Each structure stands twice: as C-alpha cells, then as structure tokens.
C-alpha cells in the first residue's frame, strides 16, 4: 500500500485552511495526515500548528491514538490564547504497517472518508472523536483495517466529486483539482 496526498490553497500557498501530508515514522510506518479548520479565526496559523504538531507527536504507529488527544490540546491552547471559542478542526491520521497489509486509522471531526471497493462502491469511514479543540479526553479508539487488493481509502476535506472514481486518473491531485473549490486537500491509500 502507498499513501498519496495533494493540497491546493489560495494565494499560491501549499496549505491554507486544509492540509494533507505524509512521512516515514521511526518504526518504518508510513504516516498520512489530513486536516481542516472547520470554524474559528486564524485558520492558516492553526493548520500550520496541526501539520507541524502531527509530525512532532506522531513518531510511530503506536502513538496514533494519543496523537489526536495531543493535537486537540494544541488547538485548544491556541483557541484559549486567541480567545476564540468557535475554533474547531478535523483530522484523519493513517499509519501503514511496513511489515503487512494492516493499517491503523484515527479520526476527529467531520471529513469525507470512505473505503472504495473495486466496483466503485463507497463505504464511509467515521472518526471516533469529536472535533479538535473541543476536548478529547485520553487516547482515541483506533480502527484496524485490512484492504483487499482492489480497495482504496479516499479521504478529502470536501465531498468527493461525482464521477471521480470512474475517471481514468484516480489520484489525489485530480480529486483536489475537480473539487471545484479554491482550498481542498485529499489523502488516498492505494494498492502498491
């Protein structure tokens, strides 16, 4: 399996009020993160805090559940400093095991995520935590998934455009390009 990400923002920035990122953890796991600021001010600063915070706290597959609680504290601290009672964000974290075909998934808030099977049927995935910034207590329940060889995980900060899956070019970049909004991010888990 492999993770593919794409983000488009206004003003030529790579990240605006959304982001998608991937990196290699110290245990060899491939980590993918997708995030969006849902409400509140200073969204660009908050998304930068979420992106850099995720890289700092998510150092292995084993830290996935605690990472969302830590990121919630970061967002709440920023909201408290700015006196922004409306600040809320969403995040999806995925860790691919380097030794088998299992992946771990943790989510907070409302993003658009689903397993899409080989026939193109979408099976929604739901996070088990409230939005970041609203108070996540303790580690978040993780979902353990094994994808069949023709399955994919599709996650985006916007609804997936109709007909995107049936198009010949199924990439994070084309999903974001066809989203029809100036700022969007996408994360795909695809067969290797």
N, C-alpha and C. Protein backbone atom coordinates (compact mmCIF):
# COMPACT_ATOMS: atom_id res chain seq x y z
N UNK A 1 0.85 -1.18 0.00
CA UNK A 1 0.00 0.00 0.00
C UNK A 1 0.89 1.24 0.00
N UNK A 2 0.32 2.30 -0.53
CA UNK A 2 1.03 3.58 -0.54
C UNK A 2 0.05 4.71 -0.26
N UNK A 3 0.55 5.80 0.27
CA UNK A 3 -0.28 6.97 0.56
C UNK A 3 0.08 8.07 -0.43
N UNK A 4 -0.94 8.69 -0.98
CA UNK A 4 -0.76 9.80 -1.91
C UNK A 4 -1.54 10.99 -1.37
N UNK A 5 -0.96 12.18 -1.39
CA UNK A 5 -1.62 13.38 -0.86
C UNK A 5 -1.53 14.52 -1.85
N UNK A 6 -2.47 15.46 -1.72
CA UNK A 6 -2.46 16.69 -2.52
C UNK A 6 -3.20 17.77 -1.76
N UNK A 7 -2.72 19.01 -1.90
CA UNK A 7 -3.37 20.17 -1.29
C UNK A 7 -3.30 21.34 -2.25
N UNK A 8 -4.37 22.11 -2.30
CA UNK A 8 -4.40 23.36 -3.06
C UNK A 8 -4.94 24.43 -2.14
N UNK A 9 -4.30 25.59 -2.16
CA UNK A 9 -4.75 26.72 -1.36
C UNK A 9 -4.69 27.98 -2.20
N UNK A 10 -5.36 29.01 -1.73
CA UNK A 10 -5.36 30.29 -2.44
C UNK A 10 -4.02 30.99 -2.22
N UNK A 11 -3.77 32.02 -2.99
CA UNK A 11 -2.58 32.87 -2.86
C UNK A 11 -1.28 32.10 -3.05
N UNK A 12 -1.30 31.00 -3.78
CA UNK A 12 -0.10 30.26 -4.09
C UNK A 12 0.53 29.52 -2.91
N UNK A 13 -0.19 29.43 -1.79
CA UNK A 13 0.32 28.70 -0.63
C UNK A 13 0.05 27.21 -0.83
N UNK A 14 0.91 26.39 -0.26
CA UNK A 14 0.67 24.96 -0.31
C UNK A 14 -0.47 24.58 0.61
N UNK A 15 -0.54 25.24 1.78
CA UNK A 15 -1.58 24.95 2.76
C UNK A 15 -2.30 26.25 3.12
N UNK A 16 -3.62 26.18 3.19
CA UNK A 16 -4.42 27.31 3.62
C UNK A 16 -5.16 26.92 4.88
N UNK A 17 -6.44 26.59 4.75
CA UNK A 17 -7.22 26.13 5.90
C UNK A 17 -7.34 24.60 5.90
N UNK A 18 -6.64 23.94 4.96
CA UNK A 18 -6.60 22.47 4.91
C UNK A 18 -5.15 22.04 4.67
N UNK A 19 -4.87 20.76 4.94
CA UNK A 19 -3.56 20.22 4.59
C UNK A 19 -3.67 18.71 4.43
N UNK A 20 -2.72 18.15 3.69
CA UNK A 20 -2.52 16.71 3.58
C UNK A 20 -1.02 16.49 3.53
N UNK A 21 -0.55 15.54 4.31
CA UNK A 21 0.89 15.33 4.41
C UNK A 21 1.18 13.85 4.65
N UNK A 22 2.37 13.42 4.33
CA UNK A 22 2.79 12.05 4.57
C UNK A 22 4.27 12.05 4.94
N UNK A 23 4.67 11.10 5.81
CA UNK A 23 6.06 10.98 6.21
C UNK A 23 6.32 9.58 6.73
N UNK A 24 7.60 9.28 6.89
CA UNK A 24 8.04 7.98 7.40
C UNK A 24 8.31 8.11 8.89
N UNK A 25 7.70 7.25 9.71
CA UNK A 25 7.93 7.24 11.16
C UNK A 25 9.19 6.45 11.50
N UNK A 26 9.66 6.62 12.73
CA UNK A 26 10.90 5.95 13.14
C UNK A 26 10.78 4.42 13.14
N UNK A 27 9.55 3.89 13.27
CA UNK A 27 9.37 2.43 13.26
C UNK A 27 9.17 1.88 11.85
N UNK A 28 9.32 2.73 10.83
CA UNK A 28 9.18 2.30 9.44
C UNK A 28 7.78 2.46 8.88
N UNK A 29 6.81 2.81 9.72
CA UNK A 29 5.43 3.01 9.25
C UNK A 29 5.34 4.27 8.40
N UNK A 30 4.50 4.21 7.38
CA UNK A 30 4.20 5.39 6.59
C UNK A 30 2.97 6.04 7.22
N UNK A 31 3.09 7.31 7.55
CA UNK A 31 2.02 8.06 8.21
C UNK A 31 1.40 9.02 7.20
N UNK A 32 0.08 9.10 7.21
CA UNK A 32 -0.65 10.07 6.40
C UNK A 32 -1.54 10.89 7.31
N UNK A 33 -1.62 12.18 7.05
CA UNK A 33 -2.47 13.07 7.85
C UNK A 33 -3.24 13.99 6.91
N UNK A 34 -4.51 14.19 7.25
CA UNK A 34 -5.38 15.09 6.51
C UNK A 34 -6.09 15.94 7.54
N UNK A 35 -6.09 17.26 7.35
CA UNK A 35 -6.72 18.13 8.34
C UNK A 35 -7.38 19.34 7.72
N UNK A 36 -8.31 19.91 8.48
CA UNK A 36 -9.01 21.12 8.06
C UNK A 36 -9.47 21.88 9.29
N UNK A 37 -9.41 23.21 9.21
CA UNK A 37 -10.00 24.06 10.24
C UNK A 37 -11.45 24.27 9.84
N UNK A 38 -12.37 23.90 10.72
CA UNK A 38 -13.80 23.95 10.43
C UNK A 38 -14.44 25.27 10.81
N UNK A 39 -14.03 25.82 11.93
CA UNK A 39 -14.61 27.05 12.47
C UNK A 39 -13.53 27.86 13.15
N UNK A 40 -13.78 29.14 13.31
CA UNK A 40 -12.89 29.99 14.08
C UNK A 40 -11.97 30.81 13.20
N UNK A 41 -11.26 31.72 13.86
CA UNK A 41 -10.35 32.61 13.15
C UNK A 41 -8.94 32.06 13.14
N UNK A 42 -8.04 32.79 12.46
CA UNK A 42 -6.62 32.46 12.40
C UNK A 42 -6.40 31.04 11.86
N UNK A 43 -7.18 30.66 10.87
CA UNK A 43 -7.17 29.28 10.36
C UNK A 43 -5.83 28.86 9.78
N UNK A 44 -5.12 29.75 9.10
CA UNK A 44 -3.84 29.39 8.50
C UNK A 44 -2.81 29.06 9.57
N UNK A 45 -2.78 29.83 10.65
CA UNK A 45 -1.85 29.54 11.75
C UNK A 45 -2.20 28.22 12.42
N UNK A 46 -3.49 27.95 12.59
CA UNK A 46 -3.93 26.72 13.24
C UNK A 46 -3.58 25.51 12.37
N UNK A 47 -3.78 25.61 11.07
CA UNK A 47 -3.46 24.48 10.19
C UNK A 47 -1.96 24.20 10.21
N UNK A 48 -1.14 25.26 10.28
CA UNK A 48 0.31 25.06 10.39
C UNK A 48 0.67 24.38 11.71
N UNK A 49 0.00 24.77 12.80
CA UNK A 49 0.22 24.11 14.10
C UNK A 49 -0.17 22.64 14.02
N UNK A 50 -1.30 22.34 13.37
CA UNK A 50 -1.76 20.95 13.25
C UNK A 50 -0.77 20.12 12.42
N UNK A 51 -0.31 20.67 11.31
CA UNK A 51 0.60 19.95 10.41
C UNK A 51 1.93 19.67 11.09
N UNK A 52 2.53 20.71 11.67
CA UNK A 52 3.82 20.52 12.33
C UNK A 52 3.66 19.73 13.62
N UNK A 53 2.54 19.93 14.32
CA UNK A 53 2.28 19.16 15.54
C UNK A 53 2.12 17.68 15.26
N UNK A 54 1.43 17.35 14.18
CA UNK A 54 1.24 15.94 13.81
C UNK A 54 2.59 15.27 13.55
N UNK A 55 3.47 15.95 12.83
CA UNK A 55 4.79 15.39 12.55
C UNK A 55 5.60 15.21 13.84
N UNK A 56 5.41 16.13 14.80
CA UNK A 56 6.18 16.07 16.04
C UNK A 56 5.69 14.96 16.98
N UNK A 57 4.37 14.78 17.09
CA UNK A 57 3.85 13.83 18.08
C UNK A 57 3.63 12.43 17.50
N UNK A 58 3.52 12.32 16.21
CA UNK A 58 3.25 11.02 15.59
C UNK A 58 4.56 10.43 15.07
N UNK A 59 5.28 9.78 15.97
CA UNK A 59 6.61 9.26 15.65
C UNK A 59 6.61 7.77 15.35
N UNK A 60 5.49 7.08 15.60
CA UNK A 60 5.38 5.65 15.29
C UNK A 60 3.89 5.29 15.23
N UNK A 61 3.62 4.08 14.75
CA UNK A 61 2.22 3.60 14.71
C UNK A 61 1.63 3.58 16.11
N UNK A 62 2.44 3.29 17.11
CA UNK A 62 1.95 3.15 18.48
C UNK A 62 1.46 4.46 19.08
N UNK A 63 1.83 5.59 18.52
CA UNK A 63 1.43 6.88 19.07
C UNK A 63 0.18 7.44 18.40
N UNK A 64 -0.41 6.71 17.49
CA UNK A 64 -1.55 7.22 16.71
C UNK A 64 -2.72 7.65 17.59
N UNK A 65 -3.13 6.82 18.55
CA UNK A 65 -4.28 7.14 19.39
C UNK A 65 -4.04 8.35 20.27
N UNK A 66 -2.84 8.47 20.82
CA UNK A 66 -2.52 9.61 21.68
C UNK A 66 -2.27 10.89 20.88
N UNK A 67 -1.94 10.75 19.61
CA UNK A 67 -1.63 11.93 18.79
C UNK A 67 -2.84 12.84 18.65
N UNK A 68 -4.03 12.30 18.45
CA UNK A 68 -5.21 13.15 18.32
C UNK A 68 -5.49 13.92 19.61
N UNK A 69 -5.32 13.27 20.76
CA UNK A 69 -5.52 13.96 22.03
C UNK A 69 -4.50 15.09 22.19
N UNK A 70 -3.25 14.85 21.79
CA UNK A 70 -2.22 15.88 21.87
C UNK A 70 -2.53 17.04 20.92
N UNK A 71 -2.98 16.73 19.71
CA UNK A 71 -3.33 17.77 18.75
C UNK A 71 -4.55 18.56 19.22
N UNK A 72 -5.48 17.89 19.89
CA UNK A 72 -6.63 18.59 20.48
C UNK A 72 -6.14 19.62 21.50
N UNK A 73 -5.19 19.24 22.34
CA UNK A 73 -4.66 20.18 23.33
C UNK A 73 -3.98 21.37 22.66
N UNK A 74 -3.27 21.13 21.56
CA UNK A 74 -2.61 22.21 20.82
C UNK A 74 -3.65 23.19 20.29
N UNK A 75 -4.71 22.68 19.68
CA UNK A 75 -5.76 23.54 19.12
C UNK A 75 -6.48 24.28 20.25
N UNK A 76 -6.80 23.59 21.35
CA UNK A 76 -7.46 24.25 22.48
C UNK A 76 -6.59 25.34 23.08
N UNK A 77 -5.29 25.10 23.20
CA UNK A 77 -4.38 26.10 23.74
C UNK A 77 -4.36 27.34 22.85
N UNK A 78 -4.30 27.13 21.54
CA UNK A 78 -4.32 28.26 20.60
C UNK A 78 -5.65 29.02 20.73
N UNK A 79 -6.74 28.31 20.83
CA UNK A 79 -8.06 28.96 20.97
C UNK A 79 -8.12 29.77 22.26
N UNK A 80 -7.57 29.23 23.34
CA UNK A 80 -7.56 29.94 24.63
C UNK A 80 -6.72 31.21 24.53
N UNK A 81 -5.54 31.11 23.90
CA UNK A 81 -4.67 32.28 23.74
C UNK A 81 -5.34 33.36 22.91
N UNK A 82 -6.07 32.98 21.90
CA UNK A 82 -6.72 33.93 20.98
C UNK A 82 -8.15 34.29 21.40
N UNK A 83 -8.61 33.67 22.48
CA UNK A 83 -10.00 33.86 22.95
C UNK A 83 -10.99 33.58 21.82
N UNK A 84 -10.76 32.46 21.16
CA UNK A 84 -11.59 32.04 20.02
C UNK A 84 -12.42 30.83 20.44
N UNK A 85 -13.62 31.07 20.93
CA UNK A 85 -14.48 29.99 21.40
C UNK A 85 -15.04 29.12 20.28
N UNK A 86 -14.95 29.61 19.04
CA UNK A 86 -15.52 28.87 17.91
C UNK A 86 -14.52 27.95 17.22
N UNK A 87 -13.25 28.01 17.60
CA UNK A 87 -12.22 27.25 16.90
C UNK A 87 -12.45 25.75 17.01
N UNK A 88 -12.52 25.09 15.88
CA UNK A 88 -12.67 23.63 15.81
C UNK A 88 -12.00 23.16 14.52
N UNK A 89 -11.42 21.97 14.59
CA UNK A 89 -10.72 21.42 13.43
C UNK A 89 -11.00 19.93 13.32
N UNK A 90 -10.72 19.38 12.14
CA UNK A 90 -10.91 17.95 11.89
C UNK A 90 -9.59 17.37 11.40
N UNK A 91 -9.35 16.10 11.74
CA UNK A 91 -8.12 15.46 11.31
C UNK A 91 -8.34 13.96 11.14
N UNK A 92 -7.69 13.41 10.15
CA UNK A 92 -7.65 11.97 9.92
C UNK A 92 -6.18 11.57 9.89
N UNK A 93 -5.84 10.56 10.68
CA UNK A 93 -4.47 10.03 10.72
C UNK A 93 -4.49 8.57 10.32
N UNK A 94 -3.56 8.19 9.46
CA UNK A 94 -3.47 6.82 8.98
C UNK A 94 -2.01 6.37 9.11
N UNK A 95 -1.81 5.14 9.59
CA UNK A 95 -0.47 4.57 9.69
C UNK A 95 -0.47 3.22 8.97
N UNK A 96 0.41 3.08 7.99
CA UNK A 96 0.56 1.83 7.26
C UNK A 96 1.66 1.00 7.90
N UNK A 97 1.35 -0.24 8.21
CA UNK A 97 2.34 -1.14 8.79
C UNK A 97 3.32 -1.55 7.70
N UNK A 98 4.64 -1.39 7.94
CA UNK A 98 5.61 -1.74 6.90
C UNK A 98 5.79 -3.24 6.71
N UNK A 99 5.27 -4.05 7.62
CA UNK A 99 5.51 -5.50 7.57
C UNK A 99 4.32 -6.32 7.09
N UNK A 100 3.13 -5.71 7.00
CA UNK A 100 1.96 -6.44 6.49
C UNK A 100 0.99 -5.47 5.86
N UNK A 101 -0.20 -5.93 5.53
CA UNK A 101 -1.17 -5.10 4.83
C UNK A 101 -2.20 -4.45 5.76
N UNK A 102 -1.87 -4.33 7.04
CA UNK A 102 -2.77 -3.72 8.00
C UNK A 102 -2.50 -2.22 8.10
N UNK A 103 -3.55 -1.46 8.31
CA UNK A 103 -3.39 -0.04 8.57
C UNK A 103 -4.21 0.35 9.78
N UNK A 104 -3.76 1.39 10.46
CA UNK A 104 -4.47 1.96 11.60
C UNK A 104 -5.01 3.31 11.18
N UNK A 105 -6.21 3.63 11.67
CA UNK A 105 -6.87 4.87 11.31
C UNK A 105 -7.47 5.49 12.56
N UNK A 106 -7.31 6.79 12.72
CA UNK A 106 -7.93 7.53 13.81
C UNK A 106 -8.43 8.85 13.23
N UNK A 107 -9.62 9.25 13.63
CA UNK A 107 -10.17 10.49 13.11
C UNK A 107 -10.90 11.29 14.15
N UNK A 108 -10.90 12.61 13.94
CA UNK A 108 -11.63 13.53 14.80
C UNK A 108 -12.28 14.58 13.91
N UNK A 109 -13.55 14.88 14.19
CA UNK A 109 -14.25 15.89 13.40
C UNK A 109 -14.82 15.32 12.11
N UNK A 110 -15.36 16.20 11.29
CA UNK A 110 -16.06 15.80 10.07
C UNK A 110 -15.21 16.02 8.82
N UNK A 111 -14.70 14.93 8.28
CA UNK A 111 -14.05 14.93 6.97
C UNK A 111 -14.78 13.90 6.12
N UNK A 112 -14.50 13.89 4.84
CA UNK A 112 -15.14 12.94 3.93
C UNK A 112 -14.17 11.79 3.70
N UNK A 113 -14.47 10.62 4.27
CA UNK A 113 -13.57 9.48 4.14
C UNK A 113 -14.38 8.21 3.90
N UNK A 114 -13.83 7.35 3.04
CA UNK A 114 -14.52 6.10 2.71
C UNK A 114 -13.53 5.09 2.16
N UNK A 115 -13.89 3.82 2.31
CA UNK A 115 -13.21 2.76 1.57
C UNK A 115 -13.99 2.60 0.28
N UNK A 116 -13.29 2.64 -0.84
CA UNK A 116 -13.92 2.44 -2.14
C UNK A 116 -13.45 1.09 -2.65
N UNK A 117 -14.40 0.19 -2.90
CA UNK A 117 -14.02 -1.14 -3.36
C UNK A 117 -13.79 -1.14 -4.87
N UNK A 118 -13.37 -2.27 -5.39
CA UNK A 118 -13.04 -2.37 -6.81
C UNK A 118 -14.18 -2.04 -7.75
N UNK A 119 -15.41 -2.22 -7.28
CA UNK A 119 -16.58 -1.90 -8.12
C UNK A 119 -16.95 -0.42 -8.04
N UNK A 120 -16.24 0.34 -7.20
CA UNK A 120 -16.53 1.76 -7.07
C UNK A 120 -17.55 2.09 -5.99
N UNK A 121 -17.95 1.10 -5.20
CA UNK A 121 -18.92 1.32 -4.13
C UNK A 121 -18.19 1.92 -2.93
N UNK A 122 -18.76 2.98 -2.39
CA UNK A 122 -18.15 3.70 -1.28
C UNK A 122 -18.72 3.23 0.05
N UNK A 123 -17.84 2.93 1.00
CA UNK A 123 -18.22 2.50 2.35
C UNK A 123 -17.64 3.52 3.32
N UNK A 124 -18.49 4.42 3.87
CA UNK A 124 -17.99 5.52 4.71
C UNK A 124 -17.21 5.06 5.92
N UNK A 125 -16.20 5.85 6.26
CA UNK A 125 -15.41 5.67 7.48
C UNK A 125 -15.73 6.84 8.40
N UNK A 126 -15.81 6.58 9.68
CA UNK A 126 -16.15 7.63 10.63
C UNK A 126 -15.11 7.67 11.73
N UNK A 127 -14.69 8.88 12.10
CA UNK A 127 -13.79 9.05 13.23
C UNK A 127 -14.53 8.75 14.51
N UNK A 128 -13.78 8.44 15.55
CA UNK A 128 -14.38 8.11 16.84
C UNK A 128 -14.19 9.22 17.86
N UNK A 129 -13.89 10.43 17.42
CA UNK A 129 -13.66 11.52 18.35
C UNK A 129 -14.35 12.78 17.85
N UNK A 130 -14.61 13.68 18.80
CA UNK A 130 -15.20 14.98 18.46
C UNK A 130 -14.15 15.82 17.76
N UNK A 131 -14.52 17.00 17.29
CA UNK A 131 -13.59 17.87 16.58
C UNK A 131 -12.44 18.30 17.48
N UNK A 132 -11.27 18.50 16.87
CA UNK A 132 -10.13 19.01 17.62
C UNK A 132 -10.45 20.40 18.15
N UNK A 133 -10.07 20.64 19.38
CA UNK A 133 -10.34 21.93 20.00
C UNK A 133 -11.55 21.90 20.91
N UNK A 134 -12.27 20.77 20.92
CA UNK A 134 -13.48 20.68 21.74
C UNK A 134 -13.31 19.78 22.94
N UNK A 135 -12.14 19.16 23.10
CA UNK A 135 -11.87 18.38 24.30
C UNK A 135 -11.90 16.88 24.09
N UNK A 136 -10.80 16.29 23.63
CA UNK A 136 -10.67 14.84 23.51
C UNK A 136 -9.96 14.37 24.77
N UNK A 137 -10.60 13.50 25.50
CA UNK A 137 -10.02 13.00 26.75
C UNK A 137 -9.37 11.64 26.51
N UNK A 138 -8.07 11.57 26.66
CA UNK A 138 -7.37 10.29 26.55
C UNK A 138 -7.19 9.83 25.12
N UNK A 139 -6.61 8.65 24.96
CA UNK A 139 -6.37 8.13 23.61
C UNK A 139 -7.67 7.82 22.88
N UNK A 140 -7.63 7.99 21.59
CA UNK A 140 -8.78 7.76 20.72
C UNK A 140 -8.78 6.30 20.28
N UNK A 141 -9.98 5.72 20.15
CA UNK A 141 -10.08 4.36 19.63
C UNK A 141 -9.58 4.31 18.19
N UNK A 142 -8.78 3.32 17.91
CA UNK A 142 -8.22 3.15 16.58
C UNK A 142 -9.04 2.13 15.79
N UNK A 143 -9.13 2.34 14.49
CA UNK A 143 -9.73 1.35 13.61
C UNK A 143 -8.59 0.61 12.92
N UNK A 144 -8.62 -0.72 13.00
CA UNK A 144 -7.65 -1.56 12.30
C UNK A 144 -8.33 -2.07 11.03
N UNK A 145 -7.71 -1.83 9.90
CA UNK A 145 -8.30 -2.22 8.63
C UNK A 145 -7.30 -3.02 7.80
N UNK A 146 -7.84 -3.94 7.04
CA UNK A 146 -7.07 -4.66 6.02
C UNK A 146 -7.82 -4.44 4.71
N UNK A 147 -7.15 -3.84 3.77
CA UNK A 147 -7.77 -3.58 2.47
C UNK A 147 -7.54 -4.76 1.54
N UNK A 148 -8.57 -5.07 0.75
CA UNK A 148 -8.38 -6.06 -0.31
C UNK A 148 -7.53 -5.41 -1.39
N UNK A 149 -7.01 -6.22 -2.29
CA UNK A 149 -6.03 -5.68 -3.24
C UNK A 149 -6.61 -4.63 -4.18
N UNK A 150 -7.93 -4.59 -4.39
CA UNK A 150 -8.51 -3.57 -5.27
C UNK A 150 -9.25 -2.47 -4.50
N UNK A 151 -9.11 -2.45 -3.17
CA UNK A 151 -9.73 -1.40 -2.35
C UNK A 151 -8.81 -0.20 -2.25
N UNK A 152 -9.41 0.93 -1.93
CA UNK A 152 -8.65 2.16 -1.68
C UNK A 152 -9.37 2.95 -0.60
N UNK A 153 -8.62 3.74 0.13
CA UNK A 153 -9.23 4.70 1.06
C UNK A 153 -9.13 6.06 0.40
N UNK A 154 -10.26 6.75 0.36
CA UNK A 154 -10.32 8.08 -0.21
C UNK A 154 -10.80 9.01 0.89
N UNK A 155 -9.99 10.02 1.21
CA UNK A 155 -10.35 10.99 2.24
C UNK A 155 -10.07 12.39 1.69
N UNK A 156 -10.99 13.31 1.97
CA UNK A 156 -10.84 14.67 1.46
C UNK A 156 -11.51 15.66 2.41
N UNK A 157 -11.11 16.90 2.28
CA UNK A 157 -11.71 17.96 3.08
C UNK A 157 -12.99 18.48 2.45
N UNK A 158 -13.29 18.01 1.26
CA UNK A 158 -14.51 18.37 0.53
C UNK A 158 -15.18 17.08 0.06
N UNK A 159 -16.46 17.12 -0.27
CA UNK A 159 -17.08 15.91 -0.82
C UNK A 159 -16.35 15.47 -2.09
N UNK A 160 -16.22 14.17 -2.25
CA UNK A 160 -15.55 13.62 -3.44
C UNK A 160 -16.43 13.89 -4.65
N UNK A 161 -15.88 14.54 -5.68
CA UNK A 161 -16.68 14.89 -6.86
C UNK A 161 -17.28 13.65 -7.53
N UNK A 162 -18.51 13.78 -7.96
CA UNK A 162 -19.20 12.69 -8.66
C UNK A 162 -18.40 12.31 -9.90
N UNK A 163 -18.25 11.03 -10.11
CA UNK A 163 -17.56 10.53 -11.29
C UNK A 163 -16.04 10.49 -11.17
N UNK A 164 -15.48 10.99 -10.05
CA UNK A 164 -14.03 10.98 -9.92
C UNK A 164 -13.49 9.56 -9.92
N UNK A 165 -14.16 8.65 -9.21
CA UNK A 165 -13.65 7.28 -9.11
C UNK A 165 -13.66 6.57 -10.45
N UNK A 166 -14.64 6.84 -11.28
CA UNK A 166 -14.73 6.17 -12.58
C UNK A 166 -13.79 6.77 -13.62
N UNK A 167 -13.19 7.92 -13.30
CA UNK A 167 -12.24 8.55 -14.23
C UNK A 167 -10.98 7.70 -14.32
N UNK A 168 -10.27 7.83 -15.40
CA UNK A 168 -9.07 7.03 -15.62
C UNK A 168 -7.94 7.40 -14.68
N UNK A 169 -7.85 8.66 -14.29
CA UNK A 169 -6.75 9.12 -13.45
C UNK A 169 -7.23 9.29 -12.01
N UNK A 170 -7.08 8.24 -11.21
CA UNK A 170 -7.51 8.27 -9.81
C UNK A 170 -6.32 8.68 -8.94
N UNK A 171 -6.15 9.98 -8.79
CA UNK A 171 -5.05 10.47 -7.97
C UNK A 171 -5.57 11.54 -7.02
N UNK A 172 -4.81 11.80 -5.97
CA UNK A 172 -5.18 12.85 -5.02
C UNK A 172 -5.19 14.21 -5.74
N UNK A 173 -4.26 14.39 -6.65
CA UNK A 173 -4.17 15.66 -7.37
C UNK A 173 -5.43 15.91 -8.22
N UNK A 174 -5.91 14.89 -8.94
CA UNK A 174 -7.10 15.09 -9.76
C UNK A 174 -8.35 15.26 -8.90
N UNK A 175 -8.40 14.59 -7.75
CA UNK A 175 -9.54 14.77 -6.84
C UNK A 175 -9.61 16.22 -6.39
N UNK A 176 -8.48 16.79 -5.96
CA UNK A 176 -8.46 18.18 -5.49
C UNK A 176 -8.76 19.13 -6.65
N UNK A 177 -8.21 18.84 -7.83
CA UNK A 177 -8.44 19.70 -8.99
C UNK A 177 -9.90 19.73 -9.41
N UNK A 178 -10.62 18.61 -9.25
CA UNK A 178 -12.02 18.54 -9.64
C UNK A 178 -12.98 18.90 -8.51
N UNK A 179 -12.46 19.29 -7.37
CA UNK A 179 -13.31 19.60 -6.21
C UNK A 179 -14.15 20.85 -6.44
N UNK A 180 -13.69 21.77 -7.26
CA UNK A 180 -14.47 22.96 -7.56
C UNK A 180 -14.43 24.02 -6.47
N UNK A 181 -13.48 23.95 -5.56
CA UNK A 181 -13.32 24.96 -4.51
C UNK A 181 -11.86 25.40 -4.50
N UNK A 182 -11.59 26.64 -4.03
CA UNK A 182 -10.21 27.13 -4.07
C UNK A 182 -9.26 26.44 -3.10
N UNK A 183 -9.78 25.92 -1.97
CA UNK A 183 -8.92 25.26 -1.00
C UNK A 183 -9.46 23.87 -0.70
N UNK A 184 -8.62 22.87 -0.93
CA UNK A 184 -9.02 21.49 -0.66
C UNK A 184 -7.76 20.64 -0.50
N UNK A 185 -7.91 19.56 0.24
CA UNK A 185 -6.83 18.59 0.40
C UNK A 185 -7.41 17.19 0.31
N UNK A 186 -6.58 16.24 -0.13
CA UNK A 186 -7.02 14.86 -0.26
C UNK A 186 -5.90 13.92 0.12
N UNK A 187 -6.28 12.75 0.64
CA UNK A 187 -5.35 11.70 1.00
C UNK A 187 -5.93 10.39 0.48
N UNK A 188 -5.12 9.63 -0.24
CA UNK A 188 -5.56 8.33 -0.77
C UNK A 188 -4.62 7.25 -0.26
N UNK A 189 -5.17 6.11 0.09
CA UNK A 189 -4.39 4.91 0.35
C UNK A 189 -4.71 3.97 -0.80
N UNK A 190 -3.69 3.65 -1.59
CA UNK A 190 -3.87 2.89 -2.82
C UNK A 190 -3.04 1.61 -2.76
N UNK A 191 -3.42 0.60 -3.54
CA UNK A 191 -2.57 -0.60 -3.63
C UNK A 191 -1.21 -0.23 -4.17
N UNK A 192 -0.18 -0.95 -3.76
CA UNK A 192 1.19 -0.63 -4.19
C UNK A 192 1.42 -0.84 -5.64
